N, C-alpha and C. Protein backbone atom coordinates (compact mmCIF):
# COMPACT_ATOMS: atom_id res chain seq x y z
N MET A 1 14.76 4.30 18.23
CA MET A 1 15.75 4.12 19.26
C MET A 1 15.46 2.81 19.98
N SER A 2 16.47 2.13 20.40
CA SER A 2 16.30 0.88 21.10
C SER A 2 15.90 1.12 22.54
N ARG A 3 15.13 0.23 23.05
CA ARG A 3 14.71 0.29 24.45
C ARG A 3 15.83 -0.26 25.33
N PRO A 4 15.89 0.17 26.61
CA PRO A 4 16.93 -0.35 27.50
C PRO A 4 16.85 -1.85 27.70
N ALA A 5 15.68 -2.46 27.50
CA ALA A 5 15.56 -3.90 27.67
C ALA A 5 16.33 -4.65 26.59
N VAL A 6 16.53 -4.01 25.45
CA VAL A 6 17.23 -4.66 24.35
C VAL A 6 18.74 -4.50 24.52
N HIS A 7 19.18 -3.30 24.83
CA HIS A 7 20.60 -3.02 25.00
C HIS A 7 20.82 -2.51 26.42
N PRO A 8 21.85 -3.00 27.10
CA PRO A 8 22.08 -2.54 28.47
C PRO A 8 22.38 -1.04 28.51
N VAL A 9 21.95 -0.42 29.58
CA VAL A 9 22.19 1.02 29.76
C VAL A 9 23.56 1.21 30.36
N GLU A 10 24.32 2.13 29.80
CA GLU A 10 25.65 2.41 30.30
C GLU A 10 25.56 3.32 31.52
N PRO A 11 26.52 3.23 32.42
CA PRO A 11 26.49 4.14 33.58
C PRO A 11 26.74 5.57 33.12
N PRO A 12 26.24 6.56 33.84
CA PRO A 12 26.45 7.95 33.43
C PRO A 12 27.94 8.29 33.46
N PRO A 13 28.37 9.17 32.58
CA PRO A 13 29.79 9.52 32.53
C PRO A 13 30.21 10.32 33.76
N LEU A 14 31.48 10.22 34.07
CA LEU A 14 32.02 10.95 35.21
C LEU A 14 32.16 12.42 34.85
N ILE A 15 31.85 13.27 35.80
CA ILE A 15 32.01 14.71 35.60
C ILE A 15 33.11 15.19 36.53
N ASP A 16 34.15 15.75 35.98
CA ASP A 16 35.31 16.25 36.74
C ASP A 16 35.88 15.19 37.67
N GLY A 17 35.88 13.95 37.22
CA GLY A 17 36.48 12.89 38.01
C GLY A 17 35.58 12.32 39.09
N ARG A 18 34.42 12.86 39.30
CA ARG A 18 33.53 12.30 40.31
C ARG A 18 32.17 12.00 39.68
N ASN A 19 31.42 11.16 40.27
CA ASN A 19 30.15 10.71 39.72
C ASN A 19 28.97 11.11 40.61
N ASP A 20 29.13 12.16 41.41
CA ASP A 20 28.05 12.53 42.32
C ASP A 20 26.98 13.39 41.65
N GLU A 21 27.32 13.99 40.53
CA GLU A 21 26.32 14.82 39.83
C GLU A 21 26.24 14.36 38.38
N ALA A 22 25.15 13.70 38.06
CA ALA A 22 24.96 13.18 36.70
C ALA A 22 24.41 14.30 35.81
N PRO A 23 24.76 14.25 34.53
CA PRO A 23 24.21 15.28 33.63
C PRO A 23 22.69 15.08 33.49
N PRO A 24 21.99 16.17 33.20
CA PRO A 24 20.53 16.04 33.06
C PRO A 24 20.19 15.17 31.86
N ARG A 25 19.16 14.36 32.01
CA ARG A 25 18.73 13.48 30.93
C ARG A 25 17.96 14.29 29.91
N ARG A 26 18.12 13.91 28.64
CA ARG A 26 17.36 14.57 27.58
C ARG A 26 15.93 14.09 27.61
N VAL A 27 15.03 15.01 27.43
CA VAL A 27 13.62 14.66 27.39
C VAL A 27 13.28 14.28 25.96
N ARG A 28 12.74 13.08 25.78
CA ARG A 28 12.36 12.63 24.44
C ARG A 28 10.95 13.07 24.14
N MET A 29 10.77 13.55 22.95
CA MET A 29 9.44 13.94 22.52
C MET A 29 8.61 12.69 22.27
N LYS A 30 7.35 12.73 22.66
CA LYS A 30 6.47 11.60 22.42
C LYS A 30 6.18 11.50 20.93
N ASP A 31 5.76 10.31 20.53
CA ASP A 31 5.40 10.12 19.13
C ASP A 31 4.15 10.92 18.81
N VAL A 32 4.26 11.80 17.84
CA VAL A 32 3.13 12.59 17.39
C VAL A 32 2.40 11.78 16.32
N GLN A 33 1.08 11.74 16.40
CA GLN A 33 0.31 10.99 15.41
C GLN A 33 0.56 11.57 14.02
N GLY A 34 0.87 10.71 13.10
CA GLY A 34 1.20 11.10 11.73
C GLY A 34 2.65 10.83 11.40
N MET A 35 3.46 10.64 12.44
CA MET A 35 4.86 10.31 12.21
C MET A 35 4.99 8.84 11.87
N PRO A 36 6.12 8.41 11.33
CA PRO A 36 6.30 6.99 11.01
C PRO A 36 6.16 6.11 12.24
N GLY A 37 5.48 4.99 12.07
CA GLY A 37 5.32 4.04 13.15
C GLY A 37 4.14 4.30 14.06
N THR A 38 3.28 5.26 13.71
CA THR A 38 2.09 5.54 14.50
C THR A 38 0.86 5.12 13.71
N PRO A 39 -0.27 4.90 14.38
CA PRO A 39 -1.48 4.52 13.64
C PRO A 39 -1.92 5.58 12.63
N ALA A 40 -1.79 6.85 12.97
CA ALA A 40 -2.16 7.90 12.02
C ALA A 40 -1.19 7.95 10.84
N GLY A 41 0.08 7.66 11.09
CA GLY A 41 1.05 7.59 9.99
C GLY A 41 0.72 6.47 9.03
N LEU A 42 0.30 5.33 9.58
CA LEU A 42 -0.13 4.22 8.74
C LEU A 42 -1.38 4.58 7.95
N ALA A 43 -2.31 5.29 8.59
CA ALA A 43 -3.53 5.71 7.89
C ALA A 43 -3.21 6.68 6.75
N LEU A 44 -2.28 7.60 6.98
CA LEU A 44 -1.88 8.52 5.90
C LEU A 44 -1.26 7.75 4.73
N ARG A 45 -0.41 6.78 5.02
CA ARG A 45 0.21 5.99 3.95
C ARG A 45 -0.82 5.19 3.18
N LEU A 46 -1.79 4.62 3.89
CA LEU A 46 -2.83 3.86 3.19
C LEU A 46 -3.71 4.76 2.34
N CYS A 47 -4.01 5.97 2.83
CA CYS A 47 -4.78 6.93 2.02
C CYS A 47 -4.00 7.32 0.77
N GLN A 48 -2.71 7.57 0.92
CA GLN A 48 -1.89 7.89 -0.24
C GLN A 48 -1.95 6.75 -1.26
N PHE A 49 -1.78 5.54 -0.77
CA PHE A 49 -1.78 4.38 -1.66
C PHE A 49 -3.12 4.22 -2.36
N ILE A 50 -4.21 4.34 -1.64
CA ILE A 50 -5.55 4.15 -2.24
C ILE A 50 -5.81 5.18 -3.32
N PHE A 51 -5.54 6.45 -3.03
CA PHE A 51 -5.83 7.50 -4.01
C PHE A 51 -4.92 7.42 -5.23
N THR A 52 -3.65 7.02 -5.03
CA THR A 52 -2.78 6.90 -6.20
C THR A 52 -3.17 5.70 -7.06
N VAL A 53 -3.60 4.62 -6.44
CA VAL A 53 -4.03 3.47 -7.22
C VAL A 53 -5.30 3.80 -8.01
N ILE A 54 -6.21 4.54 -7.40
CA ILE A 54 -7.43 4.96 -8.12
C ILE A 54 -7.05 5.83 -9.31
N SER A 55 -6.17 6.81 -9.08
CA SER A 55 -5.74 7.69 -10.17
C SER A 55 -5.03 6.90 -11.26
N LEU A 56 -4.19 5.98 -10.87
CA LEU A 56 -3.46 5.17 -11.83
C LEU A 56 -4.39 4.29 -12.67
N THR A 57 -5.33 3.64 -12.04
CA THR A 57 -6.23 2.76 -12.79
C THR A 57 -7.18 3.54 -13.68
N VAL A 58 -7.66 4.68 -13.21
CA VAL A 58 -8.55 5.49 -14.06
C VAL A 58 -7.81 5.98 -15.28
N MET A 59 -6.60 6.45 -15.08
CA MET A 59 -5.84 6.98 -16.22
C MET A 59 -5.41 5.85 -17.15
N ALA A 60 -5.01 4.72 -16.60
CA ALA A 60 -4.52 3.63 -17.44
C ALA A 60 -5.63 2.93 -18.22
N THR A 61 -6.87 3.05 -17.77
CA THR A 61 -7.97 2.40 -18.49
C THR A 61 -8.47 3.22 -19.66
N THR A 62 -8.01 4.44 -19.81
CA THR A 62 -8.38 5.22 -20.99
C THR A 62 -7.47 4.84 -22.14
N SER A 63 -8.01 4.88 -23.32
CA SER A 63 -7.23 4.43 -24.48
C SER A 63 -6.29 5.49 -25.03
N ASP A 64 -6.61 6.77 -24.78
CA ASP A 64 -5.81 7.82 -25.41
C ASP A 64 -4.92 8.59 -24.43
N PHE A 65 -4.63 8.06 -23.25
CA PHE A 65 -3.73 8.78 -22.35
C PHE A 65 -2.29 8.81 -22.86
N PRO A 66 -1.79 7.81 -23.60
CA PRO A 66 -0.39 7.91 -24.04
C PRO A 66 -0.15 9.00 -25.08
N SER A 67 -1.20 9.57 -25.64
CA SER A 67 -1.00 10.59 -26.66
C SER A 67 -0.58 11.94 -26.07
N VAL A 68 -0.73 12.12 -24.76
CA VAL A 68 -0.36 13.38 -24.11
C VAL A 68 0.74 13.11 -23.09
N THR A 69 1.81 13.85 -23.18
CA THR A 69 2.96 13.63 -22.31
C THR A 69 2.62 13.86 -20.84
N ALA A 70 1.80 14.86 -20.55
CA ALA A 70 1.43 15.14 -19.15
C ALA A 70 0.69 13.97 -18.53
N PHE A 71 -0.14 13.30 -19.31
CA PHE A 71 -0.86 12.14 -18.78
C PHE A 71 0.08 10.96 -18.52
N ARG A 72 1.06 10.79 -19.40
CA ARG A 72 2.06 9.74 -19.17
C ARG A 72 2.89 10.05 -17.93
N TYR A 73 3.19 11.33 -17.74
CA TYR A 73 3.93 11.75 -16.56
C TYR A 73 3.12 11.50 -15.29
N LEU A 74 1.82 11.73 -15.35
CA LEU A 74 0.97 11.46 -14.19
C LEU A 74 0.96 9.97 -13.86
N VAL A 75 0.86 9.13 -14.86
CA VAL A 75 0.87 7.68 -14.63
C VAL A 75 2.19 7.26 -14.00
N ALA A 76 3.29 7.79 -14.48
CA ALA A 76 4.59 7.45 -13.90
C ALA A 76 4.71 7.96 -12.46
N ALA A 77 4.27 9.19 -12.21
CA ALA A 77 4.40 9.78 -10.87
C ALA A 77 3.52 9.06 -9.85
N VAL A 78 2.27 8.79 -10.20
CA VAL A 78 1.40 8.12 -9.22
C VAL A 78 1.78 6.64 -9.09
N GLY A 79 2.34 6.05 -10.14
CA GLY A 79 2.84 4.69 -10.01
C GLY A 79 4.00 4.62 -9.02
N LEU A 80 4.93 5.57 -9.12
CA LEU A 80 6.04 5.63 -8.19
C LEU A 80 5.56 5.93 -6.77
N GLN A 81 4.59 6.84 -6.65
CA GLN A 81 4.07 7.17 -5.33
C GLN A 81 3.33 5.99 -4.71
N SER A 82 2.63 5.22 -5.52
CA SER A 82 1.92 4.07 -4.96
C SER A 82 2.91 3.04 -4.42
N LEU A 83 4.01 2.80 -5.13
CA LEU A 83 5.04 1.89 -4.63
C LEU A 83 5.69 2.40 -3.35
N TRP A 84 5.98 3.69 -3.32
CA TRP A 84 6.58 4.31 -2.13
C TRP A 84 5.63 4.22 -0.94
N SER A 85 4.38 4.56 -1.14
CA SER A 85 3.42 4.56 -0.04
C SER A 85 3.15 3.15 0.46
N LEU A 86 3.06 2.20 -0.44
CA LEU A 86 2.82 0.82 -0.02
C LEU A 86 3.99 0.26 0.78
N SER A 87 5.21 0.55 0.33
CA SER A 87 6.37 0.03 1.05
C SER A 87 6.48 0.66 2.44
N LEU A 88 6.22 1.96 2.56
CA LEU A 88 6.29 2.60 3.86
C LEU A 88 5.11 2.20 4.75
N ALA A 89 3.96 1.92 4.15
CA ALA A 89 2.82 1.43 4.93
C ALA A 89 3.13 0.07 5.52
N MET A 90 3.81 -0.77 4.76
CA MET A 90 4.19 -2.08 5.29
C MET A 90 5.20 -1.94 6.43
N ILE A 91 6.13 -1.01 6.32
CA ILE A 91 7.09 -0.78 7.40
C ILE A 91 6.37 -0.25 8.63
N ASP A 92 5.44 0.68 8.45
CA ASP A 92 4.67 1.21 9.57
C ASP A 92 3.82 0.12 10.23
N ALA A 93 3.20 -0.73 9.44
CA ALA A 93 2.38 -1.81 9.99
C ALA A 93 3.26 -2.78 10.79
N TYR A 94 4.43 -3.09 10.26
CA TYR A 94 5.34 -3.97 10.99
C TYR A 94 5.76 -3.33 12.31
N ALA A 95 6.09 -2.04 12.29
CA ALA A 95 6.51 -1.35 13.51
C ALA A 95 5.38 -1.33 14.54
N LEU A 96 4.16 -1.18 14.08
CA LEU A 96 3.03 -1.21 15.01
C LEU A 96 2.79 -2.61 15.56
N CYS A 97 2.98 -3.62 14.75
CA CYS A 97 2.76 -5.00 15.21
C CYS A 97 3.78 -5.42 16.26
N VAL A 98 5.03 -5.02 16.09
CA VAL A 98 6.06 -5.41 17.06
C VAL A 98 6.28 -4.33 18.12
N LYS A 99 5.45 -3.28 18.08
CA LYS A 99 5.52 -2.17 19.04
C LYS A 99 6.92 -1.56 19.11
N ARG A 100 7.41 -1.22 17.95
CA ARG A 100 8.74 -0.66 17.81
C ARG A 100 8.62 0.79 17.35
N SER A 101 9.40 1.66 17.91
CA SER A 101 9.38 3.07 17.53
C SER A 101 10.30 3.29 16.34
N LEU A 102 9.86 4.11 15.41
CA LEU A 102 10.67 4.44 14.23
C LEU A 102 11.24 5.85 14.38
N ARG A 103 11.97 6.08 15.47
CA ARG A 103 12.53 7.40 15.75
C ARG A 103 14.00 7.48 15.39
N ASN A 104 14.47 6.60 14.55
CA ASN A 104 15.86 6.61 14.11
C ASN A 104 16.07 7.80 13.17
N PRO A 105 17.03 8.69 13.45
CA PRO A 105 17.21 9.88 12.61
C PRO A 105 17.52 9.56 11.15
N ALA A 106 18.28 8.51 10.90
CA ALA A 106 18.60 8.16 9.51
C ALA A 106 17.34 7.70 8.77
N LEU A 107 16.52 6.92 9.44
CA LEU A 107 15.28 6.44 8.82
C LEU A 107 14.31 7.59 8.57
N ILE A 108 14.19 8.50 9.52
CA ILE A 108 13.29 9.64 9.34
C ILE A 108 13.81 10.55 8.25
N THR A 109 15.12 10.67 8.11
CA THR A 109 15.68 11.47 7.02
C THR A 109 15.32 10.87 5.67
N ILE A 110 15.42 9.55 5.55
CA ILE A 110 15.04 8.89 4.29
C ILE A 110 13.56 9.09 4.01
N TYR A 111 12.73 8.96 5.05
CA TYR A 111 11.29 9.20 4.89
C TYR A 111 11.05 10.63 4.39
N ALA A 112 11.70 11.61 5.03
CA ALA A 112 11.45 13.02 4.69
C ALA A 112 11.92 13.34 3.27
N ILE A 113 13.09 12.86 2.90
CA ILE A 113 13.60 13.13 1.55
C ILE A 113 12.71 12.45 0.51
N GLY A 114 12.36 11.20 0.75
CA GLY A 114 11.48 10.48 -0.18
C GLY A 114 10.12 11.13 -0.31
N ASP A 115 9.53 11.52 0.83
CA ASP A 115 8.22 12.19 0.77
C ASP A 115 8.31 13.52 0.04
N GLY A 116 9.41 14.24 0.23
CA GLY A 116 9.57 15.52 -0.47
C GLY A 116 9.67 15.35 -1.98
N ILE A 117 10.44 14.36 -2.41
CA ILE A 117 10.58 14.11 -3.85
C ILE A 117 9.26 13.62 -4.44
N ILE A 118 8.62 12.68 -3.75
CA ILE A 118 7.37 12.12 -4.25
C ILE A 118 6.27 13.18 -4.30
N SER A 119 6.19 14.02 -3.27
CA SER A 119 5.14 15.05 -3.27
C SER A 119 5.37 16.07 -4.37
N THR A 120 6.62 16.40 -4.64
CA THR A 120 6.92 17.34 -5.73
C THR A 120 6.55 16.75 -7.08
N LEU A 121 6.92 15.48 -7.30
CA LEU A 121 6.58 14.83 -8.57
C LEU A 121 5.06 14.73 -8.77
N THR A 122 4.35 14.33 -7.72
CA THR A 122 2.90 14.16 -7.84
C THR A 122 2.21 15.50 -8.06
N PHE A 123 2.65 16.52 -7.34
CA PHE A 123 2.03 17.84 -7.52
C PHE A 123 2.29 18.39 -8.92
N ALA A 124 3.50 18.24 -9.42
CA ALA A 124 3.81 18.73 -10.76
C ALA A 124 3.00 17.98 -11.81
N ALA A 125 2.86 16.66 -11.66
CA ALA A 125 2.10 15.87 -12.62
C ALA A 125 0.62 16.22 -12.57
N ALA A 126 0.10 16.41 -11.36
CA ALA A 126 -1.33 16.76 -11.23
C ALA A 126 -1.60 18.15 -11.81
N CYS A 127 -0.70 19.08 -11.61
CA CYS A 127 -0.88 20.43 -12.18
C CYS A 127 -0.80 20.40 -13.71
N ALA A 128 0.13 19.63 -14.25
CA ALA A 128 0.23 19.52 -15.70
C ALA A 128 -1.02 18.89 -16.29
N CYS A 129 -1.54 17.86 -15.65
CA CYS A 129 -2.76 17.21 -16.15
C CYS A 129 -3.96 18.11 -16.01
N ALA A 130 -4.01 18.90 -14.94
CA ALA A 130 -5.12 19.84 -14.78
C ALA A 130 -5.11 20.87 -15.90
N GLY A 131 -3.92 21.34 -16.26
CA GLY A 131 -3.83 22.30 -17.36
C GLY A 131 -4.26 21.71 -18.68
N ILE A 132 -3.85 20.50 -18.97
CA ILE A 132 -4.24 19.85 -20.23
C ILE A 132 -5.74 19.56 -20.24
N THR A 133 -6.28 19.15 -19.11
CA THR A 133 -7.70 18.85 -19.03
C THR A 133 -8.54 20.11 -19.24
N VAL A 134 -8.10 21.22 -18.67
CA VAL A 134 -8.81 22.49 -18.89
C VAL A 134 -8.70 22.91 -20.35
N LEU A 135 -7.54 22.70 -20.95
CA LEU A 135 -7.36 23.02 -22.37
C LEU A 135 -8.32 22.21 -23.23
N ILE A 136 -8.42 20.92 -22.97
CA ILE A 136 -9.28 20.05 -23.77
C ILE A 136 -10.76 20.39 -23.58
N SER A 137 -11.16 20.60 -22.32
CA SER A 137 -12.59 20.78 -22.05
C SER A 137 -13.06 22.19 -22.31
N ASN A 138 -12.37 23.19 -21.83
CA ASN A 138 -12.86 24.57 -21.94
C ASN A 138 -12.42 25.29 -23.21
N ASP A 139 -11.15 25.16 -23.57
CA ASP A 139 -10.62 25.94 -24.68
C ASP A 139 -10.88 25.30 -26.04
N LEU A 140 -10.73 23.99 -26.12
CA LEU A 140 -10.92 23.31 -27.40
C LEU A 140 -12.34 22.77 -27.59
N ASN A 141 -13.11 22.70 -26.50
CA ASN A 141 -14.47 22.15 -26.52
C ASN A 141 -14.50 20.76 -27.17
N ARG A 142 -13.55 19.91 -26.83
CA ARG A 142 -13.47 18.56 -27.38
C ARG A 142 -13.66 17.51 -26.30
N CYS A 143 -14.43 17.85 -25.30
CA CYS A 143 -14.61 16.92 -24.19
C CYS A 143 -15.50 15.74 -24.59
N ASP A 144 -16.36 15.95 -25.59
CA ASP A 144 -17.24 14.86 -26.01
C ASP A 144 -16.47 13.77 -26.76
N ILE A 145 -15.36 14.12 -27.41
CA ILE A 145 -14.57 13.14 -28.15
C ILE A 145 -13.60 12.41 -27.22
N ASN A 146 -13.03 13.14 -26.27
CA ASN A 146 -12.01 12.59 -25.35
C ASN A 146 -12.65 12.07 -24.06
N HIS A 147 -11.82 11.54 -23.20
CA HIS A 147 -12.26 11.03 -21.91
C HIS A 147 -12.03 12.08 -20.83
N CYS A 148 -12.67 13.25 -20.99
CA CYS A 148 -12.41 14.36 -20.07
C CYS A 148 -12.79 14.03 -18.63
N LYS A 149 -13.91 13.41 -18.44
CA LYS A 149 -14.36 13.09 -17.08
C LYS A 149 -13.37 12.15 -16.39
N ARG A 150 -12.85 11.19 -17.12
CA ARG A 150 -11.85 10.29 -16.54
C ARG A 150 -10.55 11.03 -16.25
N PHE A 151 -10.13 11.88 -17.17
CA PHE A 151 -8.92 12.66 -16.94
C PHE A 151 -9.08 13.56 -15.72
N MET A 152 -10.25 14.18 -15.59
CA MET A 152 -10.50 15.07 -14.45
C MET A 152 -10.51 14.29 -13.13
N SER A 153 -11.13 13.12 -13.14
CA SER A 153 -11.17 12.34 -11.89
C SER A 153 -9.78 11.81 -11.53
N ALA A 154 -9.00 11.39 -12.50
CA ALA A 154 -7.64 10.93 -12.22
C ALA A 154 -6.78 12.06 -11.69
N THR A 155 -6.96 13.26 -12.25
CA THR A 155 -6.22 14.43 -11.77
C THR A 155 -6.64 14.78 -10.35
N ALA A 156 -7.94 14.72 -10.07
CA ALA A 156 -8.43 15.01 -8.72
C ALA A 156 -7.87 14.01 -7.71
N MET A 157 -7.82 12.74 -8.06
CA MET A 157 -7.26 11.73 -7.15
C MET A 157 -5.77 11.96 -6.93
N ALA A 158 -5.07 12.44 -7.95
CA ALA A 158 -3.64 12.75 -7.78
C ALA A 158 -3.46 13.93 -6.83
N PHE A 159 -4.33 14.94 -6.93
CA PHE A 159 -4.25 16.07 -5.99
C PHE A 159 -4.56 15.61 -4.57
N ILE A 160 -5.55 14.74 -4.41
CA ILE A 160 -5.89 14.25 -3.07
C ILE A 160 -4.74 13.43 -2.49
N SER A 161 -4.10 12.63 -3.32
CA SER A 161 -2.95 11.87 -2.82
C SER A 161 -1.80 12.80 -2.45
N TRP A 162 -1.66 13.90 -3.18
CA TRP A 162 -0.64 14.88 -2.82
C TRP A 162 -0.97 15.52 -1.47
N PHE A 163 -2.26 15.79 -1.23
CA PHE A 163 -2.66 16.34 0.07
C PHE A 163 -2.39 15.35 1.20
N ALA A 164 -2.39 14.06 0.91
CA ALA A 164 -2.08 13.05 1.93
C ALA A 164 -0.58 12.91 2.15
N VAL A 165 0.24 13.22 1.14
CA VAL A 165 1.70 13.12 1.30
C VAL A 165 2.24 14.31 2.09
N SER A 166 1.63 15.47 1.92
CA SER A 166 2.16 16.67 2.55
C SER A 166 2.25 16.57 4.07
N PRO A 167 1.20 16.09 4.79
CA PRO A 167 1.37 15.97 6.25
C PRO A 167 2.49 15.02 6.64
N SER A 168 2.64 13.92 5.93
CA SER A 168 3.72 12.98 6.24
C SER A 168 5.08 13.66 6.11
N PHE A 169 5.24 14.44 5.06
CA PHE A 169 6.49 15.15 4.82
C PHE A 169 6.77 16.13 5.95
N PHE A 170 5.76 16.92 6.34
CA PHE A 170 5.97 17.93 7.37
C PHE A 170 6.16 17.31 8.75
N PHE A 171 5.49 16.20 9.07
CA PHE A 171 5.72 15.52 10.34
C PHE A 171 7.14 14.97 10.42
N ASN A 172 7.64 14.45 9.32
CA ASN A 172 9.01 13.93 9.31
C ASN A 172 10.03 15.06 9.47
N LEU A 173 9.79 16.18 8.80
CA LEU A 173 10.69 17.32 8.96
C LEU A 173 10.66 17.85 10.38
N TRP A 174 9.46 17.90 10.96
CA TRP A 174 9.33 18.39 12.31
C TRP A 174 10.04 17.46 13.30
N SER A 175 9.94 16.18 13.06
CA SER A 175 10.62 15.22 13.91
C SER A 175 12.14 15.37 13.83
N LEU A 176 12.65 15.64 12.64
CA LEU A 176 14.09 15.87 12.49
C LEU A 176 14.53 17.15 13.17
N ALA A 177 13.70 18.19 13.06
CA ALA A 177 14.06 19.48 13.65
C ALA A 177 13.99 19.45 15.17
N SER A 178 13.18 18.56 15.72
CA SER A 178 13.02 18.53 17.18
C SER A 178 14.11 17.71 17.88
N ARG A 179 15.03 17.16 17.15
CA ARG A 179 16.10 16.35 17.75
C ARG A 179 17.14 17.23 18.37
């Protein structure tokens, strides 16, 4: 929302033809840490970005990840999440630098929808990779031939990045519901 210093404040509307009783002002909720444009929101975005980049690089440095569809799906999901998190982290950093609030309902709606889609994709990819990794290591006992430790660490980083997306998603939904 714009500050009154940027846009002039309009006079209160007339009530029943007279202006002696102004309507009560709406109380604005303060910025909750973790919402867009706050230091904790920026920290969550940076954590998401760091963990997705770690997962992406670990998975991409293995030679046999393209042979399994779930691993390719994980690379695509965390690649998309890293781009999303980096772009929103840059927006949050800019908002913090210019001391601007990101309480615009349309912007928060985009954040919430994007976080919901990204968290669903990342969680599904991490679950699929966890299942394949358990199949390779426990059921087939072929962990010595494959890169099981790398697959497990990439899957763990994807789960951690999903845990970092979830609070952002719920803070954005809560901000929309409190309007």
